[in-house]
C-alpha atoms as a PDB file:
ATOM      1  CA  UNK A   1      -0.757 -11.713 -18.299  1.00  0.00           C
ATOM      2  CA  UNK A   2      -0.289 -12.764 -14.742  1.00  0.00           C
ATOM      3  CA  UNK A   3      -2.467 -11.044 -12.143  1.00  0.00           C
ATOM      4  CA  UNK A   4      -0.540  -8.496 -10.030  1.00  0.00           C
ATOM      5  CA  UNK A   5      -0.558  -8.713  -6.273  1.00  0.00           C
ATOM      6  CA  UNK A   6      -0.272  -4.936  -5.976  1.00  0.00           C
ATOM      7  CA  UNK A   7      -3.944  -4.336  -5.066  1.00  0.00           C
ATOM      8  CA  UNK A   8      -3.835  -6.962  -2.373  1.00  0.00           C
ATOM      9  CA  UNK A   9      -0.552  -5.398  -1.041  1.00  0.00           C
ATOM     10  CA  UNK A  10      -2.163  -1.987  -0.952  1.00  0.00           C
ATOM     11  CA  UNK A  11      -5.028  -3.285   1.118  1.00  0.00           C
ATOM     12  CA  UNK A  12      -2.697  -5.202   3.484  1.00  0.00           C
ATOM     13  CA  UNK A  13      -0.736  -1.984   4.071  1.00  0.00           C
ATOM     14  CA  UNK A  14      -3.874  -0.025   4.736  1.00  0.00           C
ATOM     15  CA  UNK A  15      -4.175   1.843   1.472  1.00  0.00           C
ATOM     16  CA  UNK A  16      -7.606   2.000  -0.239  1.00  0.00           C
ATOM     17  CA  UNK A  17      -6.888   0.970  -3.857  1.00  0.00           C
ATOM     18  CA  UNK A  18      -9.542   3.422  -5.169  1.00  0.00           C
ATOM     19  CA  UNK A  19      -8.019   6.370  -3.266  1.00  0.00           C
ATOM     20  CA  UNK A  20      -4.632   5.244  -4.479  1.00  0.00           C
ATOM     21  CA  UNK A  21      -5.733   5.197  -8.075  1.00  0.00           C
ATOM     22  CA  UNK A  22      -7.319   8.568  -7.703  1.00  0.00           C
ATOM     23  CA  UNK A  23      -4.615  10.355  -5.827  1.00  0.00           C
ATOM     24  CA  UNK A  24      -1.243   8.808  -6.770  1.00  0.00           C
ATOM     25  CA  UNK A  25       0.236  10.216 -10.049  1.00  0.00           C
ATOM     26  CA  UNK A  26      -0.103   7.798 -13.075  1.00  0.00           C
ATOM     27  CA  UNK A  27       3.669   7.644 -13.490  1.00  0.00           C
ATOM     28  CA  UNK A  28       4.127   6.397  -9.891  1.00  0.00           C
ATOM     29  CA  UNK A  29       1.408   3.781 -10.335  1.00  0.00           C
ATOM     30  CA  UNK A  30       3.048   2.644 -13.611  1.00  0.00           C
ATOM     31  CA  UNK A  31       6.360   2.256 -11.659  1.00  0.00           C
ATOM     32  CA  UNK A  32       4.668   0.216  -8.918  1.00  0.00           C
ATOM     33  CA  UNK A  33       3.013  -2.018 -11.564  1.00  0.00           C
ATOM     34  CA  UNK A  34       6.296  -2.516 -13.486  1.00  0.00           C
ATOM     35  CA  UNK A  35       8.140  -3.380 -10.272  1.00  0.00           C
ATOM     36  CA  UNK A  36       5.370  -5.865  -9.275  1.00  0.00           C
ATOM     37  CA  UNK A  37       5.313  -7.436 -12.677  1.00  0.00           C
ATOM     38  CA  UNK A  38       9.103  -7.904 -12.672  1.00  0.00           C
ATOM     39  CA  UNK A  39       9.390  -9.058  -9.005  1.00  0.00           C
ATOM     40  CA  UNK A  40      11.224 -12.261  -8.408  1.00  0.00           C
ATOM     41  CA  UNK A  41       9.756 -12.732  -4.900  1.00  0.00           C
ATOM     42  CA  UNK A  42       6.188 -13.715  -5.880  1.00  0.00           C
ATOM     43  CA  UNK A  43       6.235 -16.782  -3.636  1.00  0.00           C
ATOM     44  CA  UNK A  44       7.247 -14.752  -0.609  1.00  0.00           C
ATOM     45  CA  UNK A  45       4.662 -12.149  -1.533  1.00  0.00           C
ATOM     46  CA  UNK A  46       1.890 -14.696  -1.836  1.00  0.00           C
ATOM     47  CA  UNK A  47       2.829 -16.270   1.517  1.00  0.00           C
ATOM     48  CA  UNK A  48       2.926 -12.898   3.235  1.00  0.00           C
ATOM     49  CA  UNK A  49      -0.436 -11.856   1.796  1.00  0.00           C
ATOM     50  CA  UNK A  50      -1.977 -15.113   3.024  1.00  0.00           C
ATOM     51  CA  UNK A  51      -0.447 -14.985   6.508  1.00  0.00           C
ATOM     52  CA  UNK A  52      -2.976 -13.582   9.100  1.00  0.00           C
ATOM     53  CA  UNK A  53       0.058 -12.413  11.221  1.00  0.00           C
ATOM     54  CA  UNK A  54       1.500 -10.428   8.262  1.00  0.00           C
ATOM     55  CA  UNK A  55       1.345  -7.052   9.951  1.00  0.00           C
ATOM     56  CA  UNK A  56       3.893  -8.220  12.503  1.00  0.00           C
ATOM     57  CA  UNK A  57       6.498  -8.684   9.726  1.00  0.00           C
ATOM     58  CA  UNK A  58       6.735  -5.940   7.076  1.00  0.00           C
ATOM     59  CA  UNK A  59       7.254  -7.169   3.498  1.00  0.00           C
ATOM     60  CA  UNK A  60      10.881  -6.036   3.123  1.00  0.00           C
ATOM     61  CA  UNK A  61      11.185  -8.283   0.010  1.00  0.00           C
ATOM     62  CA  UNK A  62       8.765  -6.099  -1.892  1.00  0.00           C
ATOM     63  CA  UNK A  63      10.454  -3.695  -4.242  1.00  0.00           C
ATOM     64  CA  UNK A  64       7.432  -1.332  -3.783  1.00  0.00           C
ATOM     65  CA  UNK A  65       7.383  -1.454  -0.037  1.00  0.00           C
ATOM     66  CA  UNK A  66       9.124   1.866   0.751  1.00  0.00           C
ATOM     67  CA  UNK A  67       6.912   3.803  -1.679  1.00  0.00           C
ATOM     68  CA  UNK A  68       3.725   2.021  -0.630  1.00  0.00           C
ATOM     69  CA  UNK A  69       4.465   2.691   2.993  1.00  0.00           C
ATOM     70  CA  UNK A  70       4.843   6.426   2.186  1.00  0.00           C
ATOM     71  CA  UNK A  71       1.427   6.203   0.340  1.00  0.00           C
ATOM     72  CA  UNK A  72      -0.171   4.598   3.434  1.00  0.00           C
ATOM     73  CA  UNK A  73       1.328   7.248   5.775  1.00  0.00           C
ATOM     74  CA  UNK A  74       0.221  10.011   3.521  1.00  0.00           C
ATOM     75  CA  UNK A  75      -3.361   8.732   3.237  1.00  0.00           C
ATOM     76  CA  UNK A  76      -3.511   8.212   6.954  1.00  0.00           C
ATOM     77  CA  UNK A  77      -2.310  11.763   7.671  1.00  0.00           C
ATOM     78  CA  UNK A  78      -4.710  13.247   5.163  1.00  0.00           C
ATOM     79  CA  UNK A  79      -7.661  11.347   6.753  1.00  0.00           C
ATOM     80  CA  UNK A  80      -6.670  12.515  10.243  1.00  0.00           C
ATOM     81  CA  UNK A  81      -6.490  16.136   9.023  1.00  0.00           C
ATOM     82  CA  UNK A  82      -9.996  15.987   7.722  1.00  0.00           C
ATOM     83  CA  UNK A  83     -11.617  14.508  10.904  1.00  0.00           C
ATOM     84  CA  UNK A  84     -12.269  16.817  13.764  1.00  0.00           C
ATOM     85  CA  UNK A  85     -11.027  15.744  17.167  1.00  0.00           C
ATOM     86  CA  UNK A  86     -12.724  16.107  20.564  1.00  0.00           C
ATOM     87  CA  UNK A  87     -14.774  19.335  20.788  1.00  0.00           C
ATOM     88  CA  UNK A  88     -13.799  20.196  17.217  1.00  0.00           C
ATOM     89  CA  UNK A  89     -10.107  20.350  17.919  1.00  0.00           C
ATOM     90  CA  UNK A  90      -7.767  18.642  15.372  1.00  0.00           C
ATOM     91  CA  UNK A  91      -6.139  15.381  16.428  1.00  0.00           C
END
């Protein structure tokens, strides 16, 4: 079985794979894995993941991109809510 790039894509988009595995429903993870496994853009994906400037160009070729971006935004928002701001005020 070929190794999926999903974990590397998560990291590149700012999603901690361990938090993802713990917080995202199993059926959503299964869909992400299935899309990754069936993706026809593996070359573009590999090039994007290796490119140090990759954050300047979102991976629109990725069938999981919209869903993974929502995960990244959700995790970032959850993290900000837990951290107190200046003088204990929320950010």
